[in-house]
Amino acid sequence: MVYAPAMNVAVVTGANRGIGFEVCRQLAAQGIHVVLTARGEGAAEAACEALKGDGLSVEPYPLDVARPESILGLAAHVTAEHGGLDILVNNAGIAMQGFDAGVARQTIDVNYHGTRRVTEQLLPGMRAGGRIVMLSSGLAERSGLPKKLAARFTDPWLTVEELSALMEKFVADVAAGKHVAEGWPSSAYRVSKMGVNALAQVMGRSLKEDPRRILVNAVCPGWVRTAMGGKGAPRSVEHGAETPVWAALLPEGGPQGGFFRDMAGADW
């Protein structure tokens, strides 16, 4: 079925459970058609069936953000079936146990490069007034980094290529056993989300001249009771989804390239 172009279309990654699933619910409740993606086709379909039971307009799509060909397939699908999209919520991410070169490589590939790849591939098909949301974390703080390294993340001339190279340097430094000497924390998750925050800044700056008036921002949902956050987290998924949904529905002239917590600007 091809949906009418007049209907707003959102793509949410990693959306079969937790915050992503709730973001889908809240967006669909606003009358937006949601393409709910998950790595497993069955997981995406089951999540959609649960939402359709509430009368919401959703469709499943299998997506692995670590596989470029999978992302290309999603971009082609959205263009063919919907003529483009209006909202992209980059929610897919991992938090692995332990810390070594393998953990660093996989975490950066999924959390940073996955977000970058999905955004770059779907951006050409985004309609005027589009909104891009990148899920980050309160752990993505530059405090504790050496000043020189911290400054690289907020360099006003930083490019996506340079940022990606910085992320790869972290992985290489971990593999070489010198990440501490280079000033990096021993947390791949933290570094990956620093990269996401910087990516929102860099892409936000580049989109300022785009006539489509697309806004891109990174958000912190807080510590939420999900499979990743654990049962002891203080926030419900409903609360955790509020800021991502707020950023997805920003009005004309809203903030660009920022980092937000509880719908307010935050330092990182």
C-alpha atoms as a PDB file:
ATOM      1  CA  MET A   1       0.000   0.000   0.000  1.00  0.00           C
ATOM      2  CA  VAL A   2       1.316   3.458  -0.917  1.00  0.00           C
ATOM      3  CA  TYR A   3       0.318   6.074   1.643  1.00  0.00           C
ATOM      4  CA  ALA A   4      -0.834   9.533   0.614  1.00  0.00           C
ATOM      5  CA  PRO A   5       2.073  12.016   0.421  1.00  0.00           C
ATOM      6  CA  ALA A   6       0.055  14.412   2.593  1.00  0.00           C
ATOM      7  CA  MET A   7       0.379  12.015   5.538  1.00  0.00           C
ATOM      8  CA  ASN A   8       3.395  12.709   7.696  1.00  0.00           C
ATOM      9  CA  VAL A   9       5.769   9.745   7.694  1.00  0.00           C
ATOM     10  CA  ALA A  10       8.261   8.934  10.458  1.00  0.00           C
ATOM     11  CA  VAL A  11      11.040   6.348  10.543  1.00  0.00           C
ATOM     12  CA  VAL A  12      12.136   5.107  13.970  1.00  0.00           C
ATOM     13  CA  THR A  13      15.140   2.784  14.269  1.00  0.00           C
ATOM     14  CA  GLY A  14      15.542   0.128  16.956  1.00  0.00           C
ATOM     15  CA  ALA A  15      11.839   0.449  17.706  1.00  0.00           C
ATOM     16  CA  ASN A  16      10.526  -2.990  18.620  1.00  0.00           C
ATOM     17  CA  ARG A  17      10.816  -2.328  22.367  1.00  0.00           C
ATOM     18  CA  GLY A  18      11.700   0.230  25.021  1.00  0.00           C
ATOM     19  CA  ILE A  19      12.044   3.909  24.196  1.00  0.00           C
ATOM     20  CA  GLY A  20      11.884   3.344  20.452  1.00  0.00           C
ATOM     21  CA  PHE A  21       8.589   1.482  20.705  1.00  0.00           C
ATOM     22  CA  GLU A  22       7.096   4.196  22.898  1.00  0.00           C
ATOM     23  CA  VAL A  23       8.297   6.907  20.501  1.00  0.00           C
ATOM     24  CA  CYS A  24       6.436   5.058  17.745  1.00  0.00           C
ATOM     25  CA  ARG A  25       3.319   4.945  19.892  1.00  0.00           C
ATOM     26  CA  GLN A  26       3.415   8.636  20.739  1.00  0.00           C
ATOM     27  CA  LEU A  27       4.119   9.743  17.160  1.00  0.00           C
ATOM     28  CA  ALA A  28       1.421   7.496  15.723  1.00  0.00           C
ATOM     29  CA  ALA A  29      -1.029   8.867  18.294  1.00  0.00           C
ATOM     30  CA  GLN A  30      -0.428  12.261  16.643  1.00  0.00           C
ATOM     31  CA  GLY A  31      -1.717  10.878  13.337  1.00  0.00           C
ATOM     32  CA  ILE A  32       1.743  10.228  11.890  1.00  0.00           C
ATOM     33  CA  HIS A  33       2.369   7.044   9.913  1.00  0.00           C
ATOM     34  CA  VAL A  34       5.378   5.284  11.453  1.00  0.00           C
ATOM     35  CA  VAL A  35       7.839   2.940   9.767  1.00  0.00           C
ATOM     36  CA  LEU A  36       8.916   0.858  12.768  1.00  0.00           C
ATOM     37  CA  THR A  37      12.289  -0.774  12.219  1.00  0.00           C
ATOM     38  CA  ALA A  38      14.093  -3.537  14.080  1.00  0.00           C
ATOM     39  CA  ARG A  39      16.940  -5.907  13.248  1.00  0.00           C
ATOM     40  CA  GLY A  40      14.600  -8.885  13.174  1.00  0.00           C
ATOM     41  CA  GLU A  41      11.655  -8.887  10.790  1.00  0.00           C
ATOM     42  CA  GLY A  42       9.579 -10.890  13.268  1.00  0.00           C
ATOM     43  CA  ALA A  43      10.317  -8.454  16.076  1.00  0.00           C
ATOM     44  CA  ALA A  44       9.275  -5.506  13.917  1.00  0.00           C
ATOM     45  CA  GLU A  45       6.074  -7.229  12.851  1.00  0.00           C
ATOM     46  CA  ALA A  46       5.123  -8.195  16.410  1.00  0.00           C
ATOM     47  CA  ALA A  47       5.688  -4.635  17.639  1.00  0.00           C
ATOM     48  CA  CYS A  48       3.542  -3.263  14.830  1.00  0.00           C
ATOM     49  CA  GLU A  49       0.734  -5.680  15.582  1.00  0.00           C
ATOM     50  CA  ALA A  50       0.685  -4.462  19.183  1.00  0.00           C
ATOM     51  CA  LEU A  51       0.347  -0.849  18.038  1.00  0.00           C
ATOM     52  CA  LYS A  52      -2.180  -1.640  15.336  1.00  0.00           C
ATOM     53  CA  GLY A  53      -4.316  -3.128  18.080  1.00  0.00           C
ATOM     54  CA  ASP A  54      -4.622   0.415  19.398  1.00  0.00           C
ATOM     55  CA  GLY A  55      -5.711   1.648  15.979  1.00  0.00           C
ATOM     56  CA  LEU A  56      -2.371   3.269  15.141  1.00  0.00           C
ATOM     57  CA  SER A  57      -0.864   3.533  11.642  1.00  0.00           C
ATOM     58  CA  VAL A  58       2.446   1.662  11.624  1.00  0.00           C
ATOM     59  CA  GLU A  59       4.355  -0.663   9.338  1.00  0.00           C
ATOM     60  CA  PRO A  60       7.362  -2.930  10.017  1.00  0.00           C
ATOM     61  CA  TYR A  61      10.699  -2.876   8.245  1.00  0.00           C
ATOM     62  CA  PRO A  62      13.763  -5.028   9.057  1.00  0.00           C
ATOM     63  CA  LEU A  63      16.827  -2.816   9.495  1.00  0.00           C
ATOM     64  CA  ASP A  64      20.358  -3.454  10.685  1.00  0.00           C
ATOM     65  CA  VAL A  65      22.083  -0.092  11.076  1.00  0.00           C
ATOM     66  CA  ALA A  66      25.474  -1.826  10.970  1.00  0.00           C
ATOM     67  CA  ARG A  67      24.832  -3.007   7.384  1.00  0.00           C
ATOM     68  CA  PRO A  68      24.955  -0.293   4.701  1.00  0.00           C
ATOM     69  CA  GLU A  69      22.960  -2.428   2.267  1.00  0.00           C
ATOM     70  CA  SER A  70      20.161  -2.739   4.816  1.00  0.00           C
ATOM     71  CA  ILE A  71      20.020   1.045   5.162  1.00  0.00           C
ATOM     72  CA  LEU A  72      19.980   1.482   1.383  1.00  0.00           C
ATOM     73  CA  GLY A  73      17.009  -0.873   1.262  1.00  0.00           C
ATOM     74  CA  LEU A  74      15.159   1.212   3.844  1.00  0.00           C
ATOM     75  CA  ALA A  75      15.830   4.426   1.924  1.00  0.00           C
ATOM     76  CA  ALA A  76      14.542   2.865  -1.294  1.00  0.00           C
ATOM     77  CA  HIS A  77      11.466   1.519   0.481  1.00  0.00           C
ATOM     78  CA  VAL A  78      10.555   4.866   2.031  1.00  0.00           C
ATOM     79  CA  THR A  79      10.951   6.627  -1.309  1.00  0.00           C
ATOM     80  CA  ALA A  80       8.958   4.042  -3.269  1.00  0.00           C
ATOM     81  CA  GLU A  81       6.136   3.601  -0.770  1.00  0.00           C
ATOM     82  CA  HIS A  82       5.836   7.084   0.703  1.00  0.00           C
ATOM     83  CA  GLY A  83       7.639   9.467  -1.617  1.00  0.00           C
ATOM     84  CA  GLY A  84       9.935  10.477   1.252  1.00  0.00           C
ATOM     85  CA  LEU A  85       9.739  11.061   4.992  1.00  0.00           C
ATOM     86  CA  ASP A  86       9.164  13.865   7.470  1.00  0.00           C
ATOM     87  CA  ILE A  87      10.696  12.557  10.705  1.00  0.00           C
ATOM     88  CA  LEU A  88      13.707  10.361  11.465  1.00  0.00           C
ATOM     89  CA  VAL A  89      14.350   9.173  15.009  1.00  0.00           C
ATOM     90  CA  ASN A  90      17.733   7.453  15.343  1.00  0.00           C
ATOM     91  CA  ASN A  91      17.074   5.302  18.389  1.00  0.00           C
ATOM     92  CA  ALA A  92      18.977   2.091  17.564  1.00  0.00           C
ATOM     93  CA  GLY A  93      21.949   1.545  19.834  1.00  0.00           C
ATOM     94  CA  ILE A  94      23.824  -0.933  22.008  1.00  0.00           C
ATOM     95  CA  ALA A  95      25.493  -0.928  25.420  1.00  0.00           C
ATOM     96  CA  MET A  96      27.861  -3.883  25.690  1.00  0.00           C
ATOM     97  CA  GLN A  97      29.374  -5.496  28.744  1.00  0.00           C
ATOM     98  CA  GLY A  98      33.126  -5.219  29.234  1.00  0.00           C
ATOM     99  CA  PHE A  99      35.643  -3.067  27.447  1.00  0.00           C
ATOM    100  CA  ASP A 100      38.176  -4.063  24.809  1.00  0.00           C
ATOM    101  CA  ALA A 101      38.925  -3.370  21.154  1.00  0.00           C
ATOM    102  CA  GLY A 102      36.036  -5.547  19.980  1.00  0.00           C
ATOM    103  CA  VAL A 103      33.545  -3.772  22.221  1.00  0.00           C
ATOM    104  CA  ALA A 104      34.887  -0.387  21.109  1.00  0.00           C
ATOM    105  CA  ARG A 105      34.636  -1.299  17.424  1.00  0.00           C
ATOM    106  CA  GLN A 106      31.095  -2.680  17.593  1.00  0.00           C
ATOM    107  CA  THR A 107      29.755   0.077  19.836  1.00  0.00           C
ATOM    108  CA  ILE A 108      31.129   2.885  17.668  1.00  0.00           C
ATOM    109  CA  ASP A 109      29.943   1.134  14.510  1.00  0.00           C
ATOM    110  CA  VAL A 110      26.354   0.791  15.726  1.00  0.00           C
ATOM    111  CA  ASN A 111      25.849   3.872  17.893  1.00  0.00           C
ATOM    112  CA  TYR A 112      27.816   6.447  15.931  1.00  0.00           C
ATOM    113  CA  HIS A 113      28.315   5.143  12.405  1.00  0.00           C
ATOM    114  CA  GLY A 114      24.853   3.556  12.352  1.00  0.00           C
ATOM    115  CA  THR A 115      23.255   6.889  13.219  1.00  0.00           C
ATOM    116  CA  ARG A 116      25.416   8.656  10.647  1.00  0.00           C
ATOM    117  CA  ARG A 117      24.731   6.142   7.876  1.00  0.00           C
ATOM    118  CA  VAL A 118      20.967   6.120   8.389  1.00  0.00           C
ATOM    119  CA  THR A 119      20.810   9.922   8.494  1.00  0.00           C
ATOM    120  CA  GLU A 120      22.967  10.375   5.404  1.00  0.00           C
ATOM    121  CA  GLN A 121      20.967   7.865   3.369  1.00  0.00           C
ATOM    122  CA  LEU A 122      17.525   9.126   4.382  1.00  0.00           C
ATOM    123  CA  LEU A 123      18.330  12.842   4.305  1.00  0.00           C
ATOM    124  CA  PRO A 124      17.934  13.229   0.509  1.00  0.00           C
ATOM    125  CA  GLY A 125      14.359  11.935   0.762  1.00  0.00           C
ATOM    126  CA  MET A 126      13.357  14.148   3.669  1.00  0.00           C
ATOM    127  CA  ARG A 127      10.615  16.640   2.880  1.00  0.00           C
ATOM    128  CA  ALA A 128      10.519  20.323   3.750  1.00  0.00           C
ATOM    129  CA  GLY A 129      10.155  20.914   7.467  1.00  0.00           C
ATOM    130  CA  GLY A 130      11.702  17.553   8.289  1.00  0.00           C
ATOM    131  CA  ARG A 131      12.987  16.699  11.742  1.00  0.00           C
ATOM    132  CA  ILE A 132      15.935  14.441  12.649  1.00  0.00           C
ATOM    133  CA  VAL A 133      16.369  13.228  16.230  1.00  0.00           C
ATOM    134  CA  MET A 134      19.462  11.412  17.523  1.00  0.00           C
ATOM    135  CA  LEU A 135      19.150   9.532  20.812  1.00  0.00           C
ATOM    136  CA  SER A 136      22.114  10.290  23.030  1.00  0.00           C
ATOM    137  CA  SER A 137      22.809  10.012  26.753  1.00  0.00           C
ATOM    138  CA  GLY A 138      23.638  12.031  29.824  1.00  0.00           C
ATOM    139  CA  LEU A 139      26.865  10.011  29.920  1.00  0.00           C
ATOM    140  CA  ALA A 140      28.059  11.834  26.797  1.00  0.00           C
ATOM    141  CA  GLU A 141      29.893  14.480  28.794  1.00  0.00           C
ATOM    142  CA  ARG A 142      33.238  15.915  27.801  1.00  0.00           C
ATOM    143  CA  SER A 143      34.096  16.634  31.426  1.00  0.00           C
ATOM    144  CA  GLY A 144      37.162  14.663  32.330  1.00  0.00           C
ATOM    145  CA  LEU A 145      38.578  14.750  28.817  1.00  0.00           C
ATOM    146  CA  PRO A 146      41.800  16.662  28.238  1.00  0.00           C
ATOM    147  CA  LYS A 147      40.990  20.158  26.981  1.00  0.00           C
ATOM    148  CA  LYS A 148      42.571  19.531  23.589  1.00  0.00           C
ATOM    149  CA  LEU A 149      40.540  16.375  22.999  1.00  0.00           C
ATOM    150  CA  ALA A 150      37.311  17.890  24.332  1.00  0.00           C
ATOM    151  CA  ALA A 151      37.732  20.867  22.033  1.00  0.00           C
ATOM    152  CA  ARG A 152      37.824  18.639  18.976  1.00  0.00           C
ATOM    153  CA  PHE A 153      34.202  17.649  19.546  1.00  0.00           C
ATOM    154  CA  THR A 154      32.991  21.260  19.473  1.00  0.00           C
ATOM    155  CA  ASP A 155      35.329  22.632  16.831  1.00  0.00           C
ATOM    156  CA  PRO A 156      33.118  25.038  14.809  1.00  0.00           C
ATOM    157  CA  TRP A 157      34.851  23.882  11.608  1.00  0.00           C
ATOM    158  CA  LEU A 158      34.559  20.150  12.353  1.00  0.00           C
ATOM    159  CA  THR A 159      33.302  18.069   9.415  1.00  0.00           C
ATOM    160  CA  VAL A 160      31.506  14.730   9.446  1.00  0.00           C
ATOM    161  CA  GLU A 161      34.594  13.138   7.893  1.00  0.00           C
ATOM    162  CA  GLU A 162      36.841  14.536  10.628  1.00  0.00           C
ATOM    163  CA  LEU A 163      34.417  13.469  13.342  1.00  0.00           C
ATOM    164  CA  SER A 164      34.261   9.950  11.934  1.00  0.00           C
ATOM    165  CA  ALA A 165      38.057   9.850  11.865  1.00  0.00           C
ATOM    166  CA  LEU A 166      38.082  10.907  15.528  1.00  0.00           C
ATOM    167  CA  MET A 167      35.737   8.043  16.376  1.00  0.00           C
ATOM    168  CA  GLU A 168      38.007   5.636  14.506  1.00  0.00           C
ATOM    169  CA  LYS A 169      41.015   7.004  16.373  1.00  0.00           C
ATOM    170  CA  PHE A 170      39.359   6.038  19.645  1.00  0.00           C
ATOM    171  CA  VAL A 171      38.877   2.477  18.384  1.00  0.00           C
ATOM    172  CA  ALA A 172      42.483   2.319  17.160  1.00  0.00           C
ATOM    173  CA  ASP A 173      43.789   3.729  20.451  1.00  0.00           C
ATOM    174  CA  VAL A 174      41.877   1.067  22.395  1.00  0.00           C
ATOM    175  CA  ALA A 175      43.278  -1.661  20.133  1.00  0.00           C
ATOM    176  CA  ALA A 176      46.790  -0.287  20.622  1.00  0.00           C
ATOM    177  CA  GLY A 177      46.364  -0.144  24.403  1.00  0.00           C
ATOM    178  CA  LYS A 178      46.963   3.603  24.541  1.00  0.00           C
ATOM    179  CA  HIS A 179      43.481   5.092  24.864  1.00  0.00           C
ATOM    180  CA  VAL A 180      44.063   6.204  28.459  1.00  0.00           C
ATOM    181  CA  ALA A 181      47.333   7.902  27.514  1.00  0.00           C
ATOM    182  CA  GLU A 182      45.456   9.662  24.701  1.00  0.00           C
ATOM    183  CA  GLY A 183      42.843  10.961  27.145  1.00  0.00           C
ATOM    184  CA  TRP A 184      39.907   8.699  26.254  1.00  0.00           C
ATOM    185  CA  PRO A 185      37.586   7.226  28.904  1.00  0.00           C
ATOM    186  CA  SER A 186      37.334   3.454  29.188  1.00  0.00           C
ATOM    187  CA  SER A 187      33.726   3.480  27.974  1.00  0.00           C
ATOM    188  CA  ALA A 188      32.880   2.873  24.334  1.00  0.00           C
ATOM    189  CA  TYR A 189      29.250   3.782  24.995  1.00  0.00           C
ATOM    190  CA  ARG A 190      30.199   7.178  26.393  1.00  0.00           C
ATOM    191  CA  VAL A 191      32.495   7.967  23.470  1.00  0.00           C
ATOM    192  CA  SER A 192      29.902   6.816  20.929  1.00  0.00           C
ATOM    193  CA  LYS A 193      27.324   9.208  22.373  1.00  0.00           C
ATOM    194  CA  MET A 194      29.826  12.070  22.391  1.00  0.00           C
ATOM    195  CA  GLY A 195      30.114  11.340  18.695  1.00  0.00           C
ATOM    196  CA  VAL A 196      26.334  11.446  18.297  1.00  0.00           C
ATOM    197  CA  ASN A 197      26.122  14.842  20.026  1.00  0.00           C
ATOM    198  CA  ALA A 198      28.889  16.230  17.838  1.00  0.00           C
ATOM    199  CA  LEU A 199      27.230  14.737  14.744  1.00  0.00           C
ATOM    200  CA  ALA A 200      24.023  16.623  15.515  1.00  0.00           C
ATOM    201  CA  GLN A 201      26.030  19.850  15.818  1.00  0.00           C
ATOM    202  CA  VAL A 202      27.936  19.298  12.581  1.00  0.00           C
ATOM    203  CA  MET A 203      24.901  18.241  10.557  1.00  0.00           C
ATOM    204  CA  GLY A 204      22.791  21.000  12.084  1.00  0.00           C
ATOM    205  CA  ARG A 205      25.341  23.540  10.932  1.00  0.00           C
ATOM    206  CA  SER A 206      25.420  22.120   7.401  1.00  0.00           C
ATOM    207  CA  LEU A 207      21.607  22.137   7.179  1.00  0.00           C
ATOM    208  CA  LYS A 208      21.244  25.810   8.039  1.00  0.00           C
ATOM    209  CA  GLU A 209      21.500  26.692   4.352  1.00  0.00           C
ATOM    210  CA  ASP A 210      19.179  23.882   3.228  1.00  0.00           C
ATOM    211  CA  PRO A 211      15.947  25.396   1.845  1.00  0.00           C
ATOM    212  CA  ARG A 212      13.943  22.496   3.289  1.00  0.00           C
ATOM    213  CA  ARG A 213      14.373  23.960   6.816  1.00  0.00           C
ATOM    214  CA  ILE A 214      15.242  20.577   8.333  1.00  0.00           C
ATOM    215  CA  LEU A 215      16.141  20.533  12.024  1.00  0.00           C
ATOM    216  CA  VAL A 216      18.491  17.983  13.595  1.00  0.00           C
ATOM    217  CA  ASN A 217      19.102  17.648  17.331  1.00  0.00           C
ATOM    218  CA  ALA A 218      20.424  15.132  19.855  1.00  0.00           C
ATOM    219  CA  VAL A 219      18.415  14.290  22.969  1.00  0.00           C
ATOM    220  CA  CYS A 220      18.914  12.538  26.291  1.00  0.00           C
ATOM    221  CA  PRO A 221      15.877  10.473  27.360  1.00  0.00           C
ATOM    222  CA  GLY A 222      17.200  10.064  30.894  1.00  0.00           C
ATOM    223  CA  TRP A 223      17.696   6.814  32.787  1.00  0.00           C
ATOM    224  CA  VAL A 224      14.726   4.732  31.677  1.00  0.00           C
ATOM    225  CA  ARG A 225      13.346   1.357  32.771  1.00  0.00           C
ATOM    226  CA  THR A 226      14.162  -0.665  29.652  1.00  0.00           C
ATOM    227  CA  ALA A 227      16.169  -3.788  28.889  1.00  0.00           C
ATOM    228  CA  MET A 228      19.203  -1.513  28.562  1.00  0.00           C
ATOM    229  CA  GLY A 229      18.429   0.806  31.479  1.00  0.00           C
ATOM    230  CA  GLY A 230      17.413  -1.922  33.917  1.00  0.00           C
ATOM    231  CA  LYS A 231      14.504  -2.312  36.315  1.00  0.00           C
ATOM    232  CA  GLY A 232      15.980   0.114  38.842  1.00  0.00           C
ATOM    233  CA  ALA A 233      15.914   3.111  36.492  1.00  0.00           C
ATOM    234  CA  PRO A 234      13.726   5.977  37.783  1.00  0.00           C
ATOM    235  CA  ARG A 235      11.947   6.858  34.540  1.00  0.00           C
ATOM    236  CA  SER A 236       9.149   5.110  32.688  1.00  0.00           C
ATOM    237  CA  VAL A 237       9.387   4.598  28.931  1.00  0.00           C
ATOM    238  CA  GLU A 238       6.558   7.118  28.559  1.00  0.00           C
ATOM    239  CA  HIS A 239       8.670   9.749  30.313  1.00  0.00           C
ATOM    240  CA  GLY A 240      11.791   8.732  28.411  1.00  0.00           C
ATOM    241  CA  ALA A 241      10.053   9.152  25.049  1.00  0.00           C
ATOM    242  CA  GLU A 242       8.814  12.669  25.777  1.00  0.00           C
ATOM    243  CA  THR A 243      11.937  14.583  24.764  1.00  0.00           C
ATOM    244  CA  PRO A 244      12.599  12.581  21.573  1.00  0.00           C
ATOM    245  CA  VAL A 245       8.987  13.102  20.507  1.00  0.00           C
ATOM    246  CA  TRP A 246       9.207  16.798  21.395  1.00  0.00           C
ATOM    247  CA  ALA A 247      12.284  17.132  19.166  1.00  0.00           C
ATOM    248  CA  ALA A 248      10.543  15.231  16.374  1.00  0.00           C
ATOM    249  CA  LEU A 249       7.633  17.686  16.437  1.00  0.00           C
ATOM    250  CA  LEU A 250       9.539  20.962  16.809  1.00  0.00           C
ATOM    251  CA  PRO A 251       7.795  23.944  15.203  1.00  0.00           C
ATOM    252  CA  GLU A 252       9.243  26.108  12.460  1.00  0.00           C
ATOM    253  CA  GLY A 253      12.248  28.056  13.717  1.00  0.00           C
ATOM    254  CA  GLY A 254      13.055  25.546  16.447  1.00  0.00           C
ATOM    255  CA  PRO A 255      16.562  24.820  17.734  1.00  0.00           C
ATOM    256  CA  GLN A 256      19.210  23.415  15.432  1.00  0.00           C
ATOM    257  CA  GLY A 257      22.193  21.182  16.236  1.00  0.00           C
ATOM    258  CA  GLY A 258      21.611  21.145  19.994  1.00  0.00           C
ATOM    259  CA  PHE A 259      21.600  18.634  22.831  1.00  0.00           C
ATOM    260  CA  PHE A 260      18.451  18.504  24.947  1.00  0.00           C
ATOM    261  CA  ARG A 261      17.304  16.913  28.196  1.00  0.00           C
ATOM    262  CA  ASP A 262      13.725  17.237  29.463  1.00  0.00           C
ATOM    263  CA  MET A 263      12.914  19.471  26.492  1.00  0.00           C
ATOM    264  CA  ALA A 264      15.544  22.023  27.510  1.00  0.00           C
ATOM    265  CA  GLY A 265      19.050  22.723  26.268  1.00  0.00           C
ATOM    266  CA  ALA A 266      21.798  20.908  28.154  1.00  0.00           C
ATOM    267  CA  ASP A 267      25.569  21.159  28.350  1.00  0.00           C
ATOM    268  CA  TRP A 268      27.653  18.153  27.471  1.00  0.00           C
END
